Amino acid sequence: MTQAITYKGFTIQPAPRQLVDSGQWELNVFISWGVEEEEDSSHFVKTGRYATSEEATDQCIAYGKQIVDGQIPGSSVGSRH
């Protein structure tokens, strides 16, 4: 997994997955919040095709920020923080 970032009190962990059939990458993101003893997390996957792991990682981070900001209908973690 690539380096996690902290955004507005949430930890966004990009974990892009390489697709076996095409060799392309899709978005796979873990978002966690809280303190170690009471940490909670959610997992999000977004279909899409990216040519490189680096491109997918950048998009994972952008997607994670959108989720934290409540911009993705049905995928918000804001109400849990």
N, C-alpha and C. Protein backbone atom coordinates (compact mmCIF):
# COMPACT_ATOMS: atom_id res chain seq x y z
N MET A 1 0.84 -1.18 0.00
CA MET A 1 0.00 0.00 0.00
C MET A 1 0.88 1.24 0.00
N THR A 2 0.32 2.28 -0.54
CA THR A 2 1.06 3.53 -0.61
C THR A 2 0.85 4.35 0.66
N GLN A 3 1.55 5.44 0.73
CA GLN A 3 1.53 6.31 1.91
C GLN A 3 0.15 6.89 2.18
N ALA A 4 -0.30 6.77 3.40
CA ALA A 4 -1.57 7.35 3.83
C ALA A 4 -1.39 8.85 4.04
N ILE A 5 -2.49 9.60 3.89
CA ILE A 5 -2.47 11.02 4.18
C ILE A 5 -3.55 11.32 5.22
N THR A 6 -3.39 12.42 5.94
CA THR A 6 -4.41 12.88 6.86
C THR A 6 -5.10 14.08 6.23
N TYR A 7 -6.43 14.06 6.27
CA TYR A 7 -7.22 15.13 5.67
C TYR A 7 -8.43 15.38 6.56
N LYS A 8 -8.50 16.57 7.14
CA LYS A 8 -9.62 16.98 7.99
C LYS A 8 -9.91 15.98 9.11
N GLY A 9 -8.86 15.42 9.69
CA GLY A 9 -9.02 14.49 10.80
C GLY A 9 -9.24 13.04 10.39
N PHE A 10 -9.28 12.77 9.12
CA PHE A 10 -9.46 11.41 8.59
C PHE A 10 -8.14 10.94 8.00
N THR A 11 -7.90 9.65 8.04
CA THR A 11 -6.74 9.07 7.37
C THR A 11 -7.23 8.41 6.09
N ILE A 12 -6.66 8.85 4.98
CA ILE A 12 -7.01 8.29 3.67
C ILE A 12 -5.86 7.40 3.24
N GLN A 13 -6.17 6.13 3.06
CA GLN A 13 -5.16 5.14 2.66
C GLN A 13 -5.48 4.65 1.25
N PRO A 14 -4.74 5.16 0.25
CA PRO A 14 -4.95 4.64 -1.10
C PRO A 14 -4.41 3.23 -1.22
N ALA A 15 -5.14 2.38 -1.93
CA ALA A 15 -4.71 0.99 -2.15
C ALA A 15 -5.21 0.55 -3.53
N PRO A 16 -4.72 1.22 -4.59
CA PRO A 16 -5.23 0.88 -5.93
C PRO A 16 -4.98 -0.60 -6.25
N ARG A 17 -5.91 -1.17 -7.03
CA ARG A 17 -5.82 -2.59 -7.40
C ARG A 17 -5.60 -2.72 -8.89
N GLN A 18 -4.68 -3.60 -9.25
CA GLN A 18 -4.44 -3.87 -10.66
C GLN A 18 -5.42 -4.95 -11.12
N LEU A 19 -6.07 -4.69 -12.23
CA LEU A 19 -7.04 -5.61 -12.79
C LEU A 19 -6.33 -6.68 -13.61
N VAL A 20 -6.65 -7.92 -13.34
CA VAL A 20 -5.97 -9.04 -13.98
C VAL A 20 -6.24 -9.05 -15.49
N ASP A 21 -7.47 -8.77 -15.89
CA ASP A 21 -7.83 -8.88 -17.30
C ASP A 21 -7.17 -7.84 -18.19
N SER A 22 -6.95 -6.64 -17.69
CA SER A 22 -6.44 -5.57 -18.54
C SER A 22 -5.08 -5.01 -18.12
N GLY A 23 -4.69 -5.27 -16.87
CA GLY A 23 -3.45 -4.69 -16.37
C GLY A 23 -3.62 -3.25 -15.93
N GLN A 24 -4.82 -2.70 -16.10
CA GLN A 24 -5.08 -1.34 -15.66
C GLN A 24 -5.41 -1.34 -14.16
N TRP A 25 -5.60 -0.16 -13.62
CA TRP A 25 -5.80 0.00 -12.19
C TRP A 25 -7.16 0.61 -11.89
N GLU A 26 -7.75 0.23 -10.73
CA GLU A 26 -8.98 0.84 -10.26
C GLU A 26 -8.78 1.38 -8.84
N LEU A 27 -9.70 2.26 -8.44
CA LEU A 27 -9.56 2.91 -7.14
C LEU A 27 -10.06 2.02 -6.02
N ASN A 28 -9.29 1.99 -4.95
CA ASN A 28 -9.56 1.21 -3.76
C ASN A 28 -9.04 2.06 -2.60
N VAL A 29 -9.93 2.53 -1.73
CA VAL A 29 -9.56 3.50 -0.70
C VAL A 29 -10.10 3.06 0.66
N PHE A 30 -9.27 3.19 1.68
CA PHE A 30 -9.69 2.98 3.06
C PHE A 30 -9.64 4.34 3.76
N ILE A 31 -10.71 4.68 4.47
CA ILE A 31 -10.74 5.93 5.22
C ILE A 31 -11.02 5.57 6.67
N SER A 32 -10.17 6.06 7.57
CA SER A 32 -10.35 5.77 9.00
C SER A 32 -10.38 7.08 9.78
N TRP A 33 -10.94 7.00 10.98
CA TRP A 33 -11.05 8.16 11.85
C TRP A 33 -11.14 7.69 13.28
N GLY A 34 -10.94 8.61 14.19
CA GLY A 34 -10.99 8.29 15.61
C GLY A 34 -9.58 8.10 16.15
N VAL A 35 -9.50 7.66 17.40
CA VAL A 35 -8.21 7.40 18.02
C VAL A 35 -7.96 5.90 18.00
N GLU A 36 -6.73 5.51 18.20
CA GLU A 36 -6.34 4.10 18.06
C GLU A 36 -7.28 3.13 18.77
N GLU A 37 -7.62 3.42 20.01
CA GLU A 37 -8.45 2.50 20.77
C GLU A 37 -9.87 2.44 20.22
N GLU A 38 -10.33 3.51 19.58
CA GLU A 38 -11.71 3.58 19.09
C GLU A 38 -11.75 3.94 17.62
N GLU A 39 -10.78 3.49 16.85
CA GLU A 39 -10.72 3.83 15.44
C GLU A 39 -11.78 3.06 14.65
N ASP A 40 -12.36 3.74 13.68
CA ASP A 40 -13.33 3.12 12.79
C ASP A 40 -12.86 3.37 11.37
N SER A 41 -13.31 2.56 10.43
CA SER A 41 -12.88 2.77 9.05
C SER A 41 -13.95 2.29 8.08
N SER A 42 -13.85 2.78 6.86
CA SER A 42 -14.71 2.35 5.77
C SER A 42 -13.86 2.10 4.54
N HIS A 43 -14.35 1.23 3.69
CA HIS A 43 -13.65 0.83 2.46
C HIS A 43 -14.50 1.27 1.28
N PHE A 44 -13.86 1.88 0.29
CA PHE A 44 -14.57 2.36 -0.89
C PHE A 44 -13.85 1.89 -2.15
N VAL A 45 -14.62 1.49 -3.13
CA VAL A 45 -14.08 1.07 -4.43
C VAL A 45 -14.81 1.89 -5.48
N LYS A 46 -14.07 2.38 -6.45
CA LYS A 46 -14.68 3.12 -7.55
C LYS A 46 -14.18 2.51 -8.85
N THR A 47 -15.11 2.07 -9.67
CA THR A 47 -14.70 1.51 -10.94
C THR A 47 -14.18 2.62 -11.84
N GLY A 48 -13.23 2.29 -12.60
CA GLY A 48 -12.58 3.22 -13.50
C GLY A 48 -11.27 2.58 -13.91
N ARG A 49 -10.70 3.06 -14.95
CA ARG A 49 -9.48 2.45 -15.45
C ARG A 49 -8.38 3.50 -15.51
N TYR A 50 -7.27 3.19 -14.88
CA TYR A 50 -6.11 4.08 -14.87
C TYR A 50 -4.91 3.30 -15.37
N ALA A 51 -4.07 3.94 -16.14
CA ALA A 51 -2.95 3.26 -16.80
C ALA A 51 -1.84 2.86 -15.84
N THR A 52 -1.61 3.66 -14.80
CA THR A 52 -0.49 3.39 -13.90
C THR A 52 -0.95 3.38 -12.44
N SER A 53 -0.16 2.75 -11.60
CA SER A 53 -0.42 2.74 -10.16
C SER A 53 -0.36 4.15 -9.59
N GLU A 54 0.57 4.95 -10.09
CA GLU A 54 0.73 6.32 -9.59
C GLU A 54 -0.50 7.16 -9.90
N GLU A 55 -1.02 7.03 -11.12
CA GLU A 55 -2.22 7.78 -11.50
C GLU A 55 -3.40 7.35 -10.64
N ALA A 56 -3.55 6.05 -10.43
CA ALA A 56 -4.64 5.54 -9.60
C ALA A 56 -4.49 5.99 -8.15
N THR A 57 -3.26 6.02 -7.65
CA THR A 57 -3.02 6.48 -6.27
C THR A 57 -3.45 7.94 -6.12
N ASP A 58 -3.06 8.78 -7.07
CA ASP A 58 -3.46 10.19 -7.03
C ASP A 58 -4.98 10.33 -7.04
N GLN A 59 -5.64 9.52 -7.86
CA GLN A 59 -7.10 9.56 -7.94
C GLN A 59 -7.75 9.01 -6.67
N CYS A 60 -7.12 8.03 -6.04
CA CYS A 60 -7.61 7.50 -4.75
C CYS A 60 -7.64 8.61 -3.71
N ILE A 61 -6.58 9.39 -3.65
CA ILE A 61 -6.51 10.47 -2.67
C ILE A 61 -7.58 11.52 -2.97
N ALA A 62 -7.72 11.89 -4.23
CA ALA A 62 -8.74 12.88 -4.61
C ALA A 62 -10.14 12.35 -4.28
N TYR A 63 -10.38 11.08 -4.59
CA TYR A 63 -11.68 10.46 -4.31
C TYR A 63 -11.94 10.41 -2.80
N GLY A 64 -10.93 10.05 -2.03
CA GLY A 64 -11.05 10.02 -0.57
C GLY A 64 -11.40 11.38 0.00
N LYS A 65 -10.77 12.43 -0.52
CA LYS A 65 -11.09 13.80 -0.08
C LYS A 65 -12.53 14.16 -0.42
N GLN A 66 -13.00 13.76 -1.60
CA GLN A 66 -14.38 14.03 -1.98
C GLN A 66 -15.35 13.31 -1.05
N ILE A 67 -15.02 12.09 -0.66
CA ILE A 67 -15.87 11.35 0.27
C ILE A 67 -15.92 12.06 1.61
N VAL A 68 -14.76 12.44 2.14
CA VAL A 68 -14.71 13.16 3.42
C VAL A 68 -15.51 14.46 3.34
N ASP A 69 -15.43 15.14 2.22
CA ASP A 69 -16.14 16.41 2.05
C ASP A 69 -17.64 16.23 1.78
N GLY A 70 -18.10 14.97 1.68
CA GLY A 70 -19.52 14.71 1.46
C GLY A 70 -19.97 14.95 0.03
N GLN A 71 -19.05 14.90 -0.92
CA GLN A 71 -19.39 15.19 -2.31
C GLN A 71 -19.77 13.95 -3.12
N ILE A 72 -19.70 12.76 -2.53
CA ILE A 72 -20.04 11.52 -3.22
C ILE A 72 -21.31 10.96 -2.57
N PRO A 73 -22.46 11.08 -3.24
CA PRO A 73 -23.72 10.59 -2.66
C PRO A 73 -23.62 9.12 -2.24
N GLY A 74 -24.06 8.85 -1.01
CA GLY A 74 -24.06 7.49 -0.51
C GLY A 74 -22.73 6.98 -0.01
N SER A 75 -21.69 7.83 -0.04
CA SER A 75 -20.34 7.39 0.36
C SER A 75 -19.70 8.34 1.37
N SER A 76 -20.48 9.05 2.14
CA SER A 76 -19.92 10.02 3.07
C SER A 76 -19.54 9.37 4.40
N VAL A 77 -18.46 9.83 4.99
CA VAL A 77 -18.08 9.43 6.34
C VAL A 77 -18.24 10.59 7.31
N GLY A 78 -18.61 11.75 6.80
CA GLY A 78 -18.70 12.97 7.61
C GLY A 78 -19.62 12.86 8.81
N SER A 79 -20.72 12.14 8.67
CA SER A 79 -21.66 12.03 9.77
C SER A 79 -21.14 11.14 10.89
N ARG A 80 -20.07 10.41 10.62
CA ARG A 80 -19.52 9.50 11.63
C ARG A 80 -18.40 10.14 12.43
N HIS A 81 -17.92 11.27 12.01
CA HIS A 81 -16.76 11.91 12.64
C HIS A 81 -17.19 12.79 13.78
